[in-house]
Amino acid sequence: MQPARWFAAVAPVDLRCGADGLLAMVQSAFGRDAFDGSAYVFRNRSGTRLKLLLGDATGVWLCVRRLHAGSFVWPREGDALCELSSEQFAWLCAGVDWRRLSASKPLAKTV
């Protein structure tokens, strides 16, 4: 399944929460439909782990990625969500500075 859009939550998240906690965050904190086929990426405070949440009409995917060394390059503080291209997400997952590839599209927090 290929996500319709990719979003990175800018602020760190307690990754002990599971799919239900992250789904609630997408809906309440970001004001988005968590089941619209978009992928949401969350990171821990140290930036060494991330969780990918993808919900659609048939179910939810929750994936975890951990780096053995270094940390993920993350969007800067200021916006609640940062939209990524699929190429930027692939580089982010590889631990590469994806921001050098092209500009991302920050989204303002909606309430």
N, C-alpha and C. Protein backbone atom coordinates (compact mmCIF):
# COMPACT_ATOMS: atom_id res chain seq x y z
N MET A 1 0.84 -1.17 0.00
CA MET A 1 0.00 0.00 0.00
C MET A 1 0.89 1.24 0.00
N GLN A 2 0.60 2.17 -0.87
CA GLN A 2 1.35 3.43 -0.96
C GLN A 2 0.50 4.54 -0.32
N PRO A 3 1.04 5.23 0.68
CA PRO A 3 0.28 6.32 1.33
C PRO A 3 -0.04 7.44 0.34
N ALA A 4 -1.19 8.08 0.57
CA ALA A 4 -1.60 9.22 -0.26
C ALA A 4 -0.68 10.40 -0.02
N ARG A 5 -0.35 10.65 1.25
CA ARG A 5 0.53 11.76 1.64
C ARG A 5 1.34 11.31 2.84
N TRP A 6 2.47 12.02 3.09
CA TRP A 6 3.36 11.72 4.20
C TRP A 6 3.45 12.94 5.11
N PHE A 7 3.30 12.73 6.42
CA PHE A 7 3.41 13.82 7.38
C PHE A 7 4.33 13.39 8.53
N ALA A 8 5.20 14.30 8.96
CA ALA A 8 6.04 14.07 10.13
C ALA A 8 5.53 14.97 11.25
N ALA A 9 5.24 14.38 12.41
CA ALA A 9 4.89 15.17 13.59
C ALA A 9 6.17 15.79 14.11
N VAL A 10 6.21 17.11 14.20
CA VAL A 10 7.46 17.81 14.52
C VAL A 10 7.90 17.57 15.96
N ALA A 11 6.98 17.67 16.90
CA ALA A 11 7.34 17.51 18.32
C ALA A 11 7.55 16.04 18.65
N PRO A 12 8.51 15.74 19.53
CA PRO A 12 8.72 14.34 19.95
C PRO A 12 7.49 13.79 20.67
N VAL A 13 7.35 12.47 20.61
CA VAL A 13 6.19 11.77 21.17
C VAL A 13 6.69 10.62 22.05
N ASP A 14 5.95 10.32 23.09
CA ASP A 14 6.24 9.14 23.90
C ASP A 14 5.82 7.92 23.08
N LEU A 15 6.77 7.18 22.56
CA LEU A 15 6.47 6.08 21.65
C LEU A 15 5.97 4.83 22.35
N ARG A 16 5.78 4.89 23.67
CA ARG A 16 5.18 3.74 24.35
C ARG A 16 3.71 3.60 24.00
N CYS A 17 3.09 4.68 23.49
CA CYS A 17 1.69 4.58 23.10
C CYS A 17 1.61 3.77 21.80
N GLY A 18 0.53 3.08 21.64
CA GLY A 18 0.35 2.23 20.48
C GLY A 18 -0.44 2.92 19.39
N ALA A 19 -1.00 2.12 18.52
CA ALA A 19 -1.74 2.65 17.37
C ALA A 19 -2.91 3.53 17.79
N ASP A 20 -3.65 3.09 18.82
CA ASP A 20 -4.83 3.86 19.24
C ASP A 20 -4.45 5.24 19.77
N GLY A 21 -3.37 5.33 20.54
CA GLY A 21 -2.91 6.61 21.05
C GLY A 21 -2.44 7.53 19.94
N LEU A 22 -1.74 6.99 18.96
CA LEU A 22 -1.27 7.80 17.84
C LEU A 22 -2.42 8.22 16.93
N LEU A 23 -3.39 7.33 16.73
CA LEU A 23 -4.58 7.69 15.95
C LEU A 23 -5.32 8.86 16.60
N ALA A 24 -5.48 8.78 17.92
CA ALA A 24 -6.15 9.87 18.65
C ALA A 24 -5.37 11.17 18.51
N MET A 25 -4.05 11.09 18.53
CA MET A 25 -3.23 12.29 18.39
C MET A 25 -3.42 12.93 17.01
N VAL A 26 -3.45 12.11 15.98
CA VAL A 26 -3.65 12.63 14.62
C VAL A 26 -4.98 13.38 14.54
N GLN A 27 -6.01 12.80 15.14
CA GLN A 27 -7.33 13.40 15.06
C GLN A 27 -7.48 14.61 15.97
N SER A 28 -7.00 14.53 17.21
CA SER A 28 -7.22 15.63 18.15
C SER A 28 -6.18 16.73 18.03
N ALA A 29 -4.91 16.39 18.03
CA ALA A 29 -3.86 17.41 18.01
C ALA A 29 -3.65 18.03 16.63
N PHE A 30 -3.84 17.25 15.58
CA PHE A 30 -3.58 17.75 14.24
C PHE A 30 -4.86 18.07 13.47
N GLY A 31 -6.01 17.62 13.99
CA GLY A 31 -7.28 17.90 13.33
C GLY A 31 -7.43 17.24 11.97
N ARG A 32 -6.82 16.08 11.81
CA ARG A 32 -6.88 15.39 10.53
C ARG A 32 -7.60 14.05 10.67
N ASP A 33 -8.11 13.55 9.57
CA ASP A 33 -8.74 12.24 9.53
C ASP A 33 -7.64 11.19 9.48
N ALA A 34 -7.51 10.41 10.53
CA ALA A 34 -6.43 9.43 10.63
C ALA A 34 -6.60 8.26 9.67
N PHE A 35 -7.76 8.15 9.03
CA PHE A 35 -8.04 7.02 8.13
C PHE A 35 -8.16 7.47 6.68
N ASP A 36 -7.47 8.56 6.32
CA ASP A 36 -7.58 9.08 4.95
C ASP A 36 -6.52 8.51 4.02
N GLY A 37 -5.74 7.54 4.49
CA GLY A 37 -4.71 6.93 3.65
C GLY A 37 -3.37 7.63 3.73
N SER A 38 -3.25 8.66 4.58
CA SER A 38 -1.98 9.35 4.77
C SER A 38 -1.14 8.63 5.82
N ALA A 39 0.17 8.75 5.70
CA ALA A 39 1.10 8.17 6.67
C ALA A 39 1.58 9.27 7.61
N TYR A 40 1.65 8.95 8.89
CA TYR A 40 2.11 9.89 9.92
C TYR A 40 3.32 9.28 10.61
N VAL A 41 4.39 10.06 10.70
CA VAL A 41 5.63 9.59 11.28
C VAL A 41 5.88 10.35 12.58
N PHE A 42 6.20 9.61 13.64
CA PHE A 42 6.45 10.17 14.97
C PHE A 42 7.83 9.73 15.42
N ARG A 43 8.51 10.57 16.22
CA ARG A 43 9.83 10.20 16.73
C ARG A 43 9.87 10.35 18.24
N ASN A 44 10.84 9.66 18.84
CA ASN A 44 11.05 9.81 20.28
C ASN A 44 11.90 11.06 20.53
N ARG A 45 12.08 11.40 21.81
CA ARG A 45 12.80 12.63 22.17
C ARG A 45 14.25 12.62 21.67
N SER A 46 14.92 11.49 21.77
CA SER A 46 16.33 11.43 21.36
C SER A 46 16.50 11.33 19.84
N GLY A 47 15.42 11.04 19.12
CA GLY A 47 15.51 10.96 17.67
C GLY A 47 16.12 9.69 17.13
N THR A 48 16.19 8.65 17.95
CA THR A 48 16.78 7.39 17.50
C THR A 48 15.74 6.36 17.07
N ARG A 49 14.48 6.63 17.35
CA ARG A 49 13.39 5.71 17.00
C ARG A 49 12.25 6.49 16.37
N LEU A 50 11.53 5.82 15.48
CA LEU A 50 10.32 6.43 14.95
C LEU A 50 9.25 5.37 14.77
N LYS A 51 8.02 5.85 14.72
CA LYS A 51 6.87 5.00 14.43
C LYS A 51 6.13 5.61 13.25
N LEU A 52 5.71 4.74 12.35
CA LEU A 52 4.95 5.12 11.18
C LEU A 52 3.54 4.58 11.34
N LEU A 53 2.56 5.46 11.24
CA LEU A 53 1.16 5.09 11.37
C LEU A 53 0.46 5.34 10.04
N LEU A 54 -0.23 4.33 9.54
CA LEU A 54 -0.96 4.46 8.28
C LEU A 54 -2.33 3.82 8.47
N GLY A 55 -3.37 4.63 8.37
CA GLY A 55 -4.72 4.12 8.52
C GLY A 55 -5.52 4.34 7.25
N ASP A 56 -6.36 3.35 6.92
CA ASP A 56 -7.27 3.50 5.80
C ASP A 56 -8.59 2.84 6.17
N ALA A 57 -9.47 2.66 5.22
CA ALA A 57 -10.80 2.13 5.50
C ALA A 57 -10.78 0.68 5.97
N THR A 58 -9.70 -0.05 5.72
CA THR A 58 -9.67 -1.47 6.08
C THR A 58 -8.87 -1.79 7.33
N GLY A 59 -8.05 -0.85 7.81
CA GLY A 59 -7.25 -1.14 9.00
C GLY A 59 -6.14 -0.13 9.23
N VAL A 60 -5.21 -0.53 10.11
CA VAL A 60 -4.12 0.35 10.52
C VAL A 60 -2.80 -0.41 10.45
N TRP A 61 -1.77 0.26 9.93
CA TRP A 61 -0.40 -0.24 9.96
C TRP A 61 0.36 0.58 10.98
N LEU A 62 1.15 -0.08 11.81
CA LEU A 62 2.04 0.60 12.74
C LEU A 62 3.41 -0.05 12.61
N CYS A 63 4.38 0.71 12.15
CA CYS A 63 5.74 0.21 11.93
C CYS A 63 6.70 0.98 12.81
N VAL A 64 7.77 0.30 13.23
CA VAL A 64 8.79 0.91 14.08
C VAL A 64 10.14 0.82 13.37
N ARG A 65 10.93 1.88 13.49
CA ARG A 65 12.29 1.88 12.94
C ARG A 65 13.23 2.43 14.01
N ARG A 66 14.37 1.77 14.15
CA ARG A 66 15.38 2.21 15.12
C ARG A 66 16.73 2.26 14.43
N LEU A 67 17.46 3.34 14.68
CA LEU A 67 18.81 3.45 14.15
C LEU A 67 19.79 2.86 15.16
N HIS A 68 20.80 2.16 14.68
CA HIS A 68 21.82 1.60 15.55
C HIS A 68 22.83 2.66 15.97
N ALA A 69 23.00 3.67 15.13
CA ALA A 69 23.93 4.77 15.45
C ALA A 69 23.37 6.06 14.88
N GLY A 70 23.61 7.17 15.57
CA GLY A 70 23.13 8.47 15.10
C GLY A 70 21.66 8.68 15.41
N SER A 71 21.07 9.68 14.78
CA SER A 71 19.65 9.97 14.99
C SER A 71 19.03 10.43 13.68
N PHE A 72 17.70 10.34 13.62
CA PHE A 72 16.96 10.77 12.44
C PHE A 72 17.01 12.28 12.33
N VAL A 73 17.13 12.79 11.12
CA VAL A 73 17.09 14.23 10.88
C VAL A 73 15.62 14.62 10.82
N TRP A 74 15.24 15.55 11.70
CA TRP A 74 13.82 15.86 11.86
C TRP A 74 13.54 17.31 11.51
N PRO A 75 12.28 17.59 11.12
CA PRO A 75 11.90 18.99 10.85
C PRO A 75 12.12 19.86 12.08
N ARG A 76 12.37 21.13 11.85
CA ARG A 76 12.58 22.06 12.96
C ARG A 76 11.28 22.39 13.66
N GLU A 77 11.41 22.73 14.94
CA GLU A 77 10.26 23.12 15.75
C GLU A 77 9.54 24.31 15.11
N GLY A 78 8.27 24.47 15.40
CA GLY A 78 7.52 25.61 14.91
C GLY A 78 6.16 25.23 14.36
N ASP A 79 6.10 24.19 13.56
CA ASP A 79 4.83 23.73 13.02
C ASP A 79 4.51 22.37 13.63
N ALA A 80 3.22 22.05 13.67
CA ALA A 80 2.81 20.77 14.24
C ALA A 80 3.14 19.61 13.31
N LEU A 81 2.92 19.81 12.01
CA LEU A 81 3.17 18.78 11.02
C LEU A 81 4.04 19.33 9.91
N CYS A 82 4.80 18.45 9.31
CA CYS A 82 5.60 18.79 8.14
C CYS A 82 5.27 17.75 7.07
N GLU A 83 4.83 18.20 5.91
CA GLU A 83 4.53 17.27 4.84
C GLU A 83 5.81 16.90 4.11
N LEU A 84 5.96 15.62 3.83
CA LEU A 84 7.14 15.09 3.15
C LEU A 84 6.73 14.45 1.83
N SER A 85 7.64 14.42 0.89
CA SER A 85 7.42 13.62 -0.31
C SER A 85 7.81 12.18 0.03
N SER A 86 7.45 11.24 -0.82
CA SER A 86 7.84 9.85 -0.56
C SER A 86 9.36 9.71 -0.61
N GLU A 87 10.02 10.49 -1.48
CA GLU A 87 11.48 10.45 -1.56
C GLU A 87 12.11 10.99 -0.26
N GLN A 88 11.58 12.09 0.26
CA GLN A 88 12.09 12.65 1.51
C GLN A 88 11.92 11.65 2.65
N PHE A 89 10.77 10.96 2.69
CA PHE A 89 10.55 9.97 3.74
C PHE A 89 11.57 8.84 3.63
N ALA A 90 11.84 8.38 2.43
CA ALA A 90 12.81 7.29 2.24
C ALA A 90 14.18 7.71 2.76
N TRP A 91 14.61 8.92 2.49
CA TRP A 91 15.89 9.41 2.98
C TRP A 91 15.86 9.58 4.49
N LEU A 92 14.76 10.08 5.03
CA LEU A 92 14.63 10.24 6.48
C LEU A 92 14.81 8.88 7.16
N CYS A 93 14.14 7.85 6.65
CA CYS A 93 14.24 6.50 7.23
C CYS A 93 15.65 5.95 7.15
N ALA A 94 16.40 6.36 6.16
CA ALA A 94 17.78 5.89 6.00
C ALA A 94 18.74 6.64 6.92
N GLY A 95 18.23 7.69 7.59
CA GLY A 95 19.08 8.46 8.49
C GLY A 95 19.85 9.58 7.80
N VAL A 96 19.47 9.89 6.56
CA VAL A 96 20.13 10.92 5.77
C VAL A 96 19.41 12.26 5.97
N ASP A 97 20.15 13.37 5.83
CA ASP A 97 19.53 14.69 5.95
C ASP A 97 18.69 14.97 4.71
N TRP A 98 17.44 14.59 4.75
CA TRP A 98 16.50 14.72 3.64
C TRP A 98 16.17 16.17 3.33
N ARG A 99 16.40 17.10 4.28
CA ARG A 99 16.07 18.52 4.07
C ARG A 99 16.92 19.13 2.97
N ARG A 100 18.07 18.53 2.69
CA ARG A 100 18.95 19.05 1.64
C ARG A 100 18.46 18.69 0.24
N LEU A 101 17.54 17.73 0.15
CA LEU A 101 17.05 17.31 -1.16
C LEU A 101 16.15 18.36 -1.79
N SER A 102 15.18 18.84 -1.00
CA SER A 102 14.25 19.85 -1.48
C SER A 102 13.49 20.39 -0.28
N ALA A 103 12.81 21.47 -0.48
CA ALA A 103 12.06 22.10 0.62
C ALA A 103 10.82 21.28 0.95
N SER A 104 10.53 21.17 2.24
CA SER A 104 9.30 20.50 2.68
C SER A 104 8.19 21.53 2.79
N LYS A 105 6.96 21.06 2.98
CA LYS A 105 5.81 21.95 3.07
C LYS A 105 5.28 21.91 4.50
N PRO A 106 5.66 22.86 5.36
CA PRO A 106 5.15 22.84 6.73
C PRO A 106 3.67 23.19 6.76
N LEU A 107 2.95 22.57 7.67
CA LEU A 107 1.53 22.84 7.86
C LEU A 107 1.31 23.44 9.24
N ALA A 108 0.48 24.44 9.31
CA ALA A 108 0.16 25.04 10.60
C ALA A 108 -0.79 24.12 11.35
N LYS A 109 -0.69 24.13 12.66
CA LYS A 109 -1.56 23.33 13.51
C LYS A 109 -2.98 23.87 13.41
N THR A 110 -3.92 22.97 13.18
CA THR A 110 -5.33 23.36 13.11
C THR A 110 -6.04 22.84 14.33
N VAL A 111 -6.92 23.64 14.85
CA VAL A 111 -7.66 23.24 16.06
C VAL A 111 -9.11 23.14 15.75
